[in-house]
Amino acid sequence: MPRKLREELENQPRFPGTCIFYDQRRDQCGIHDDRPEVCRAFGYHKDLVCFRKPELATKESFTLTEKPVGYLSIDFLWKSF
């Protein structure tokens, strides 16, 4: 990740549980082109509903096919990298 982008994302205030890669100033994913599979599926499956557009969640439950590298949580911070 380019240093400038990382610093921009790292210095943004966050709500607990917000993905550290979410760019709150631009209201978009900061790693959109490289986002993991679960992020690509978010909003389109009944168990990954987005509060902004819940009507898009028409697919059945999501099953991960990529090997998970960890879990996003309120404990997953920039200092973890």
PDB file of N, CA and C in Angstrom:
ATOM      1  N   MET A   1       0.852  -1.172   0.000  1.00  0.00           N
ATOM      2  CA  MET A   1       0.000   0.000   0.000  1.00  0.00           C
ATOM      3  C   MET A   1       0.898   1.235   0.000  1.00  0.00           C
ATOM      4  N   PRO A   2       0.622   2.181  -0.881  1.00  0.00           N
ATOM      5  CA  PRO A   2       1.431   3.410  -0.883  1.00  0.00           C
ATOM      6  C   PRO A   2       1.369   4.109   0.479  1.00  0.00           C
ATOM      7  N   ARG A   3       2.517   4.614   0.906  1.00  0.00           N
ATOM      8  CA  ARG A   3       2.631   5.249   2.216  1.00  0.00           C
ATOM      9  C   ARG A   3       1.618   6.380   2.400  1.00  0.00           C
ATOM     10  N   LYS A   4       1.444   7.211   1.373  1.00  0.00           N
ATOM     11  CA  LYS A   4       0.524   8.345   1.479  1.00  0.00           C
ATOM     12  C   LYS A   4      -0.910   7.870   1.756  1.00  0.00           C
ATOM     13  N   LEU A   5      -1.365   6.852   1.020  1.00  0.00           N
ATOM     14  CA  LEU A   5      -2.712   6.326   1.222  1.00  0.00           C
ATOM     15  C   LEU A   5      -2.845   5.721   2.616  1.00  0.00           C
ATOM     16  N   ARG A   6      -1.854   4.947   3.024  1.00  0.00           N
ATOM     17  CA  ARG A   6      -1.906   4.347   4.360  1.00  0.00           C
ATOM     18  C   ARG A   6      -2.007   5.422   5.436  1.00  0.00           C
ATOM     19  N   GLU A   7      -1.209   6.464   5.330  1.00  0.00           N
ATOM     20  CA  GLU A   7      -1.243   7.540   6.323  1.00  0.00           C
ATOM     21  C   GLU A   7      -2.593   8.249   6.329  1.00  0.00           C
ATOM     22  N   GLU A   8      -3.163   8.457   5.142  1.00  0.00           N
ATOM     23  CA  GLU A   8      -4.491   9.090   5.073  1.00  0.00           C
ATOM     24  C   GLU A   8      -5.533   8.240   5.789  1.00  0.00           C
ATOM     25  N   LEU A   9      -5.538   6.937   5.506  1.00  0.00           N
ATOM     26  CA  LEU A   9      -6.506   6.040   6.125  1.00  0.00           C
ATOM     27  C   LEU A   9      -6.247   5.876   7.616  1.00  0.00           C
ATOM     28  N   GLU A  10      -4.985   5.772   7.975  1.00  0.00           N
ATOM     29  CA  GLU A  10      -4.610   5.544   9.373  1.00  0.00           C
ATOM     30  C   GLU A  10      -5.014   6.709  10.274  1.00  0.00           C
ATOM     31  N   ASN A  11      -5.006   7.903   9.736  1.00  0.00           N
ATOM     32  CA  ASN A  11      -5.276   9.091  10.544  1.00  0.00           C
ATOM     33  C   ASN A  11      -6.742   9.515  10.564  1.00  0.00           C
ATOM     34  N   GLN A  12      -7.605   8.754   9.926  1.00  0.00           N
ATOM     35  CA  GLN A  12      -9.025   9.086   9.937  1.00  0.00           C
ATOM     36  C   GLN A  12      -9.680   8.564  11.215  1.00  0.00           C
ATOM     37  N   PRO A  13     -10.566   9.353  11.813  1.00  0.00           N
ATOM     38  CA  PRO A  13     -11.308   8.835  12.974  1.00  0.00           C
ATOM     39  C   PRO A  13     -12.243   7.716  12.524  1.00  0.00           C
ATOM     40  N   ARG A  14     -12.460   6.729  13.376  1.00  0.00           N
ATOM     41  CA  ARG A  14     -13.272   5.562  13.018  1.00  0.00           C
ATOM     42  C   ARG A  14     -14.300   5.233  14.082  1.00  0.00           C
ATOM     43  N   PHE A  15     -15.425   4.740  13.626  1.00  0.00           N
ATOM     44  CA  PHE A  15     -16.405   4.154  14.532  1.00  0.00           C
ATOM     45  C   PHE A  15     -15.919   2.746  14.858  1.00  0.00           C
ATOM     46  N   PRO A  16     -16.187   2.237  16.051  1.00  0.00           N
ATOM     47  CA  PRO A  16     -15.794   0.866  16.378  1.00  0.00           C
ATOM     48  C   PRO A  16     -16.380  -0.120  15.362  1.00  0.00           C
ATOM     49  N   GLY A  17     -15.547  -1.048  14.893  1.00  0.00           N
ATOM     50  CA  GLY A  17     -15.992  -2.050  13.940  1.00  0.00           C
ATOM     51  C   GLY A  17     -15.895  -1.633  12.489  1.00  0.00           C
ATOM     52  N   THR A  18     -15.493  -0.390  12.206  1.00  0.00           N
ATOM     53  CA  THR A  18     -15.349   0.069  10.830  1.00  0.00           C
ATOM     54  C   THR A  18     -14.056  -0.488  10.246  1.00  0.00           C
ATOM     55  N   CYS A  19     -14.117  -1.005   9.057  1.00  0.00           N
ATOM     56  CA  CYS A  19     -12.930  -1.537   8.385  1.00  0.00           C
ATOM     57  C   CYS A  19     -11.864  -0.454   8.304  1.00  0.00           C
ATOM     58  N   ILE A  20     -10.618  -0.830   8.614  1.00  0.00           N
ATOM     59  CA  ILE A  20      -9.540   0.163   8.591  1.00  0.00           C
ATOM     60  C   ILE A  20      -9.209   0.617   7.175  1.00  0.00           C
ATOM     61  N   PHE A  21      -9.646  -0.121   6.170  1.00  0.00           N
ATOM     62  CA  PHE A  21      -9.377   0.260   4.790  1.00  0.00           C
ATOM     63  C   PHE A  21     -10.484   1.124   4.191  1.00  0.00           C
ATOM     64  N   TYR A  22     -11.558   1.354   4.940  1.00  0.00           N
ATOM     65  CA  TYR A  22     -12.651   2.187   4.449  1.00  0.00           C
ATOM     66  C   TYR A  22     -12.237   3.654   4.550  1.00  0.00           C
ATOM     67  N   ASP A  23     -12.264   4.350   3.440  1.00  0.00           N
ATOM     68  CA  ASP A  23     -11.899   5.759   3.389  1.00  0.00           C
ATOM     69  C   ASP A  23     -13.149   6.576   3.705  1.00  0.00           C
ATOM     70  N   GLN A  24     -13.237   7.044   4.925  1.00  0.00           N
ATOM     71  CA  GLN A  24     -14.432   7.760   5.372  1.00  0.00           C
ATOM     72  C   GLN A  24     -14.576   9.116   4.698  1.00  0.00           C
ATOM     73  N   ARG A  25     -13.480   9.758   4.370  1.00  0.00           N
ATOM     74  CA  ARG A  25     -13.560  11.072   3.717  1.00  0.00           C
ATOM     75  C   ARG A  25     -14.132  10.968   2.315  1.00  0.00           C
ATOM     76  N   ARG A  26     -13.763   9.912   1.600  1.00  0.00           N
ATOM     77  CA  ARG A  26     -14.239   9.730   0.225  1.00  0.00           C
ATOM     78  C   ARG A  26     -15.463   8.819   0.157  1.00  0.00           C
ATOM     79  N   ASP A  27     -15.833   8.212   1.277  1.00  0.00           N
ATOM     80  CA  ASP A  27     -16.971   7.292   1.360  1.00  0.00           C
ATOM     81  C   ASP A  27     -16.820   6.153   0.352  1.00  0.00           C
ATOM     82  N   GLN A  28     -15.641   5.511   0.401  1.00  0.00           N
ATOM     83  CA  GLN A  28     -15.379   4.399  -0.504  1.00  0.00           C
ATOM     84  C   GLN A  28     -14.280   3.511   0.066  1.00  0.00           C
ATOM     85  N   CYS A  29     -14.139   2.343  -0.508  1.00  0.00           N
ATOM     86  CA  CYS A  29     -13.105   1.414  -0.087  1.00  0.00           C
ATOM     87  C   CYS A  29     -11.741   1.945  -0.508  1.00  0.00           C
ATOM     88  N   GLY A  30     -10.799   1.938   0.433  1.00  0.00           N
ATOM     89  CA  GLY A  30      -9.452   2.414   0.140  1.00  0.00           C
ATOM     90  C   GLY A  30      -8.596   1.400  -0.600  1.00  0.00           C
ATOM     91  N   ILE A  31      -9.043   0.136  -0.654  1.00  0.00           N
ATOM     92  CA  ILE A  31      -8.301  -0.907  -1.356  1.00  0.00           C
ATOM     93  C   ILE A  31      -9.216  -1.625  -2.354  1.00  0.00           C
ATOM     94  N   HIS A  32     -10.110  -0.893  -2.960  1.00  0.00           N
ATOM     95  CA  HIS A  32     -11.168  -1.465  -3.795  1.00  0.00           C
ATOM     96  C   HIS A  32     -10.658  -2.490  -4.810  1.00  0.00           C
ATOM     97  N   ASP A  33      -9.610  -2.189  -5.551  1.00  0.00           N
ATOM     98  CA  ASP A  33      -9.115  -3.104  -6.577  1.00  0.00           C
ATOM     99  C   ASP A  33      -8.510  -4.380  -5.992  1.00  0.00           C
ATOM    100  N   ASP A  34      -8.072  -4.332  -4.750  1.00  0.00           N
ATOM    101  CA  ASP A  34      -7.417  -5.474  -4.109  1.00  0.00           C
ATOM    102  C   ASP A  34      -8.208  -6.027  -2.937  1.00  0.00           C
ATOM    103  N   ARG A  35      -9.471  -5.652  -2.802  1.00  0.00           N
ATOM    104  CA  ARG A  35     -10.256  -6.075  -1.642  1.00  0.00           C
ATOM    105  C   ARG A  35     -10.490  -7.586  -1.652  1.00  0.00           C
ATOM    106  N   PRO A  36     -10.620  -8.174  -0.484  1.00  0.00           N
ATOM    107  CA  PRO A  36     -10.839  -9.630  -0.415  1.00  0.00           C
ATOM    108  C   PRO A  36     -12.241 -10.027  -0.877  1.00  0.00           C
ATOM    109  N   GLU A  37     -12.407 -11.315  -1.061  1.00  0.00           N
ATOM    110  CA  GLU A  37     -13.655 -11.885  -1.569  1.00  0.00           C
ATOM    111  C   GLU A  37     -14.870 -11.498  -0.730  1.00  0.00           C
ATOM    112  N   VAL A  38     -14.733 -11.522   0.579  1.00  0.00           N
ATOM    113  CA  VAL A  38     -15.879 -11.207   1.441  1.00  0.00           C
ATOM    114  C   VAL A  38     -16.336  -9.761   1.225  1.00  0.00           C
ATOM    115  N   CYS A  39     -15.404  -8.877   0.941  1.00  0.00           N
ATOM    116  CA  CYS A  39     -15.775  -7.481   0.671  1.00  0.00           C
ATOM    117  C   CYS A  39     -16.485  -7.354  -0.674  1.00  0.00           C
ATOM    118  N   ARG A  40     -16.059  -8.149  -1.641  1.00  0.00           N
ATOM    119  CA  ARG A  40     -16.716  -8.131  -2.956  1.00  0.00           C
ATOM    120  C   ARG A  40     -18.155  -8.629  -2.857  1.00  0.00           C
ATOM    121  N   ALA A  41     -18.400  -9.547  -1.923  1.00  0.00           N
ATOM    122  CA  ALA A  41     -19.732 -10.128  -1.747  1.00  0.00           C
ATOM    123  C   ALA A  41     -20.631  -9.279  -0.852  1.00  0.00           C
ATOM    124  N   PHE A  42     -20.034  -8.386  -0.064  1.00  0.00           N
ATOM    125  CA  PHE A  42     -20.794  -7.616   0.911  1.00  0.00           C
ATOM    126  C   PHE A  42     -21.922  -6.830   0.239  1.00  0.00           C
ATOM    127  N   GLY A  43     -23.108  -6.966   0.814  1.00  0.00           N
ATOM    128  CA  GLY A  43     -24.260  -6.234   0.317  1.00  0.00           C
ATOM    129  C   GLY A  43     -25.141  -7.019  -0.637  1.00  0.00           C
ATOM    130  N   TYR A  44     -24.643  -8.148  -1.131  1.00  0.00           N
ATOM    131  CA  TYR A  44     -25.381  -8.917  -2.123  1.00  0.00           C
ATOM    132  C   TYR A  44     -25.912 -10.248  -1.596  1.00  0.00           C
ATOM    133  N   HIS A  45     -25.556 -10.606  -0.363  1.00  0.00           N
ATOM    134  CA  HIS A  45     -25.986 -11.874   0.233  1.00  0.00           C
ATOM    135  C   HIS A  45     -26.819 -11.602   1.483  1.00  0.00           C
ATOM    136  N   LYS A  46     -27.733 -12.497   1.773  1.00  0.00           N
ATOM    137  CA  LYS A  46     -28.649 -12.299   2.895  1.00  0.00           C
ATOM    138  C   LYS A  46     -27.947 -12.217   4.240  1.00  0.00           C
ATOM    139  N   ASP A  47     -26.748 -12.782   4.360  1.00  0.00           N
ATOM    140  CA  ASP A  47     -26.020 -12.693   5.624  1.00  0.00           C
ATOM    141  C   ASP A  47     -24.927 -11.626   5.601  1.00  0.00           C
ATOM    142  N   LEU A  48     -24.883 -10.822   4.547  1.00  0.00           N
ATOM    143  CA  LEU A  48     -23.925  -9.713   4.433  1.00  0.00           C
ATOM    144  C   LEU A  48     -24.650  -8.455   3.958  1.00  0.00           C
ATOM    145  N   VAL A  49     -25.733  -8.118   4.606  1.00  0.00           N
ATOM    146  CA  VAL A  49     -26.596  -7.008   4.186  1.00  0.00           C
ATOM    147  C   VAL A  49     -25.947  -5.662   4.506  1.00  0.00           C
ATOM    148  N   CYS A  50     -25.994  -4.759   3.549  1.00  0.00           N
ATOM    149  CA  CYS A  50     -25.528  -3.386   3.753  1.00  0.00           C
ATOM    150  C   CYS A  50     -26.729  -2.542   4.185  1.00  0.00           C
ATOM    151  N   PHE A  51     -26.552  -1.794   5.241  1.00  0.00           N
ATOM    152  CA  PHE A  51     -27.666  -0.987   5.744  1.00  0.00           C
ATOM    153  C   PHE A  51     -28.082   0.103   4.768  1.00  0.00           C
ATOM    154  N   ARG A  52     -27.196   0.494   3.857  1.00  0.00           N
ATOM    155  CA  ARG A  52     -27.533   1.550   2.904  1.00  0.00           C
ATOM    156  C   ARG A  52     -28.480   1.073   1.801  1.00  0.00           C
ATOM    157  N   LYS A  53     -28.283  -0.161   1.350  1.00  0.00           N
ATOM    158  CA  LYS A  53     -29.110  -0.699   0.269  1.00  0.00           C
ATOM    159  C   LYS A  53     -29.471  -2.150   0.557  1.00  0.00           C
ATOM    160  N   PRO A  54     -30.289  -2.386   1.564  1.00  0.00           N
ATOM    161  CA  PRO A  54     -30.620  -3.770   1.927  1.00  0.00           C
ATOM    162  C   PRO A  54     -31.345  -4.531   0.822  1.00  0.00           C
ATOM    163  N   GLU A  55     -31.983  -3.836  -0.092  1.00  0.00           N
ATOM    164  CA  GLU A  55     -32.715  -4.502  -1.171  1.00  0.00           C
ATOM    165  C   GLU A  55     -31.798  -5.251  -2.140  1.00  0.00           C
ATOM    166  N   LEU A  56     -30.497  -4.954  -2.131  1.00  0.00           N
ATOM    167  CA  LEU A  56     -29.558  -5.647  -3.016  1.00  0.00           C
ATOM    168  C   LEU A  56     -29.194  -7.044  -2.519  1.00  0.00           C
ATOM    169  N   ALA A  57     -29.446  -7.335  -1.262  1.00  0.00           N
ATOM    170  CA  ALA A  57     -29.075  -8.624  -0.667  1.00  0.00           C
ATOM    171  C   ALA A  57     -30.079  -9.693  -1.055  1.00  0.00           C
ATOM    172  N   THR A  58     -29.999 -10.156  -2.293  1.00  0.00           N
ATOM    173  CA  THR A  58     -30.954 -11.134  -2.810  1.00  0.00           C
ATOM    174  C   THR A  58     -30.375 -12.541  -2.904  1.00  0.00           C
ATOM    175  N   LYS A  59     -29.061 -12.669  -2.818  1.00  0.00           N
ATOM    176  CA  LYS A  59     -28.431 -13.985  -2.930  1.00  0.00           C
ATOM    177  C   LYS A  59     -28.487 -14.703  -1.591  1.00  0.00           C
ATOM    178  N   GLU A  60     -28.414 -16.020  -1.649  1.00  0.00           N
ATOM    179  CA  GLU A  60     -28.417 -16.823  -0.421  1.00  0.00           C
ATOM    180  C   GLU A  60     -27.146 -16.553   0.378  1.00  0.00           C
ATOM    181  N   SER A  61     -26.998 -17.260   1.472  1.00  0.00           N
ATOM    182  CA  SER A  61     -25.853 -17.077   2.355  1.00  0.00           C
ATOM    183  C   SER A  61     -24.537 -17.193   1.598  1.00  0.00           C
ATOM    184  N   PHE A  62     -23.569 -16.425   2.036  1.00  0.00           N
ATOM    185  CA  PHE A  62     -22.251 -16.371   1.408  1.00  0.00           C
ATOM    186  C   PHE A  62     -21.355 -17.476   1.941  1.00  0.00           C
ATOM    187  N   THR A  63     -20.639 -18.147   1.045  1.00  0.00           N
ATOM    188  CA  THR A  63     -19.658 -19.157   1.425  1.00  0.00           C
ATOM    189  C   THR A  63     -18.297 -18.715   0.904  1.00  0.00           C
ATOM    190  N   LEU A  64     -17.376 -18.528   1.792  1.00  0.00           N
ATOM    191  CA  LEU A  64     -16.028 -18.071   1.457  1.00  0.00           C
ATOM    192  C   LEU A  64     -15.260 -19.162   0.738  1.00  0.00           C
ATOM    193  N   THR A  65     -14.637 -18.822  -0.398  1.00  0.00           N
ATOM    194  CA  THR A  65     -13.802 -19.784  -1.108  1.00  0.00           C
ATOM    195  C   THR A  65     -12.324 -19.460  -0.953  1.00  0.00           C
ATOM    196  N   GLU A  66     -11.986 -18.196  -0.658  1.00  0.00           N
ATOM    197  CA  GLU A  66     -10.601 -17.822  -0.397  1.00  0.00           C
ATOM    198  C   GLU A  66     -10.205 -18.273   1.005  1.00  0.00           C
ATOM    199  N   LYS A  67      -8.934 -18.527   1.193  1.00  0.00           N
ATOM    200  CA  LYS A  67      -8.435 -18.858   2.521  1.00  0.00           C
ATOM    201  C   LYS A  67      -8.431 -17.571   3.348  1.00  0.00           C
ATOM    202  N   PRO A  68      -9.092 -17.571   4.511  1.00  0.00           N
ATOM    203  CA  PRO A  68      -9.107 -16.353   5.331  1.00  0.00           C
ATOM    204  C   PRO A  68      -7.722 -16.041   5.893  1.00  0.00           C
ATOM    205  N   VAL A  69      -7.415 -14.751   5.981  1.00  0.00           N
ATOM    206  CA  VAL A  69      -6.132 -14.329   6.534  1.00  0.00           C
ATOM    207  C   VAL A  69      -6.292 -13.744   7.928  1.00  0.00           C
ATOM    208  N   GLY A  70      -7.513 -13.584   8.378  1.00  0.00           N
ATOM    209  CA  GLY A  70      -7.775 -13.031   9.697  1.00  0.00           C
ATOM    210  C   GLY A  70      -9.202 -12.534   9.767  1.00  0.00           C
ATOM    211  N   TYR A  71      -9.502 -11.856  10.830  1.00  0.00           N
ATOM    212  CA  TYR A  71     -10.847 -11.340  11.043  1.00  0.00           C
ATOM    213  C   TYR A  71     -10.794  -9.840  11.260  1.00  0.00           C
ATOM    214  N   LEU A  72     -11.711  -9.125  10.632  1.00  0.00           N
ATOM    215  CA  LEU A  72     -11.834  -7.699  10.890  1.00  0.00           C
ATOM    216  C   LEU A  72     -12.689  -7.521  12.132  1.00  0.00           C
ATOM    217  N   SER A  73     -12.220  -6.742  13.039  1.00  0.00           N
ATOM    218  CA  SER A  73     -12.965  -6.495  14.261  1.00  0.00           C
ATOM    219  C   SER A  73     -12.494  -5.183  14.846  1.00  0.00           C
ATOM    220  N   ILE A  74     -13.034  -4.835  15.974  1.00  0.00           N
ATOM    221  CA  ILE A  74     -12.586  -3.593  16.610  1.00  0.00           C
ATOM    222  C   ILE A  74     -11.171  -3.736  17.132  1.00  0.00           C
ATOM    223  N   ASP A  75     -10.635  -4.961  17.172  1.00  0.00           N
ATOM    224  CA  ASP A  75      -9.270  -5.188  17.628  1.00  0.00           C
ATOM    225  C   ASP A  75      -8.268  -5.173  16.488  1.00  0.00           C
ATOM    226  N   PHE A  76      -8.714  -5.063  15.252  1.00  0.00           N
ATOM    227  CA  PHE A  76      -7.853  -5.097  14.083  1.00  0.00           C
ATOM    228  C   PHE A  76      -7.499  -3.659  13.729  1.00  0.00           C
ATOM    229  N   LEU A  77      -6.312  -3.225  14.097  1.00  0.00           N
ATOM    230  CA  LEU A  77      -5.914  -1.835  13.953  1.00  0.00           C
ATOM    231  C   LEU A  77      -4.678  -1.707  13.069  1.00  0.00           C
ATOM    232  N   TRP A  78      -4.317  -0.487  12.704  1.00  0.00           N
ATOM    233  CA  TRP A  78      -3.141  -0.257  11.863  1.00  0.00           C
ATOM    234  C   TRP A  78      -1.879  -0.769  12.512  1.00  0.00           C
ATOM    235  N   LYS A  79      -1.795  -0.724  13.826  1.00  0.00           N
ATOM    236  CA  LYS A  79      -0.576  -1.206  14.488  1.00  0.00           C
ATOM    237  C   LYS A  79      -0.396  -2.713  14.310  1.00  0.00           C
ATOM    238  N   SER A  80      -1.443  -3.396  13.828  1.00  0.00           N
ATOM    239  CA  SER A  80      -1.365  -4.834  13.583  1.00  0.00           C
ATOM    240  C   SER A  80      -0.501  -5.142  12.358  1.00  0.00           C
ATOM    241  N   PHE A  81      -0.214  -4.146  11.541  1.00  0.00           N
ATOM    242  CA  PHE A  81       0.561  -4.366  10.305  1.00  0.00           C
ATOM    243  C   PHE A  81       2.013  -4.071  10.508  1.00  0.00           C
TER     244      PHE A  81
END
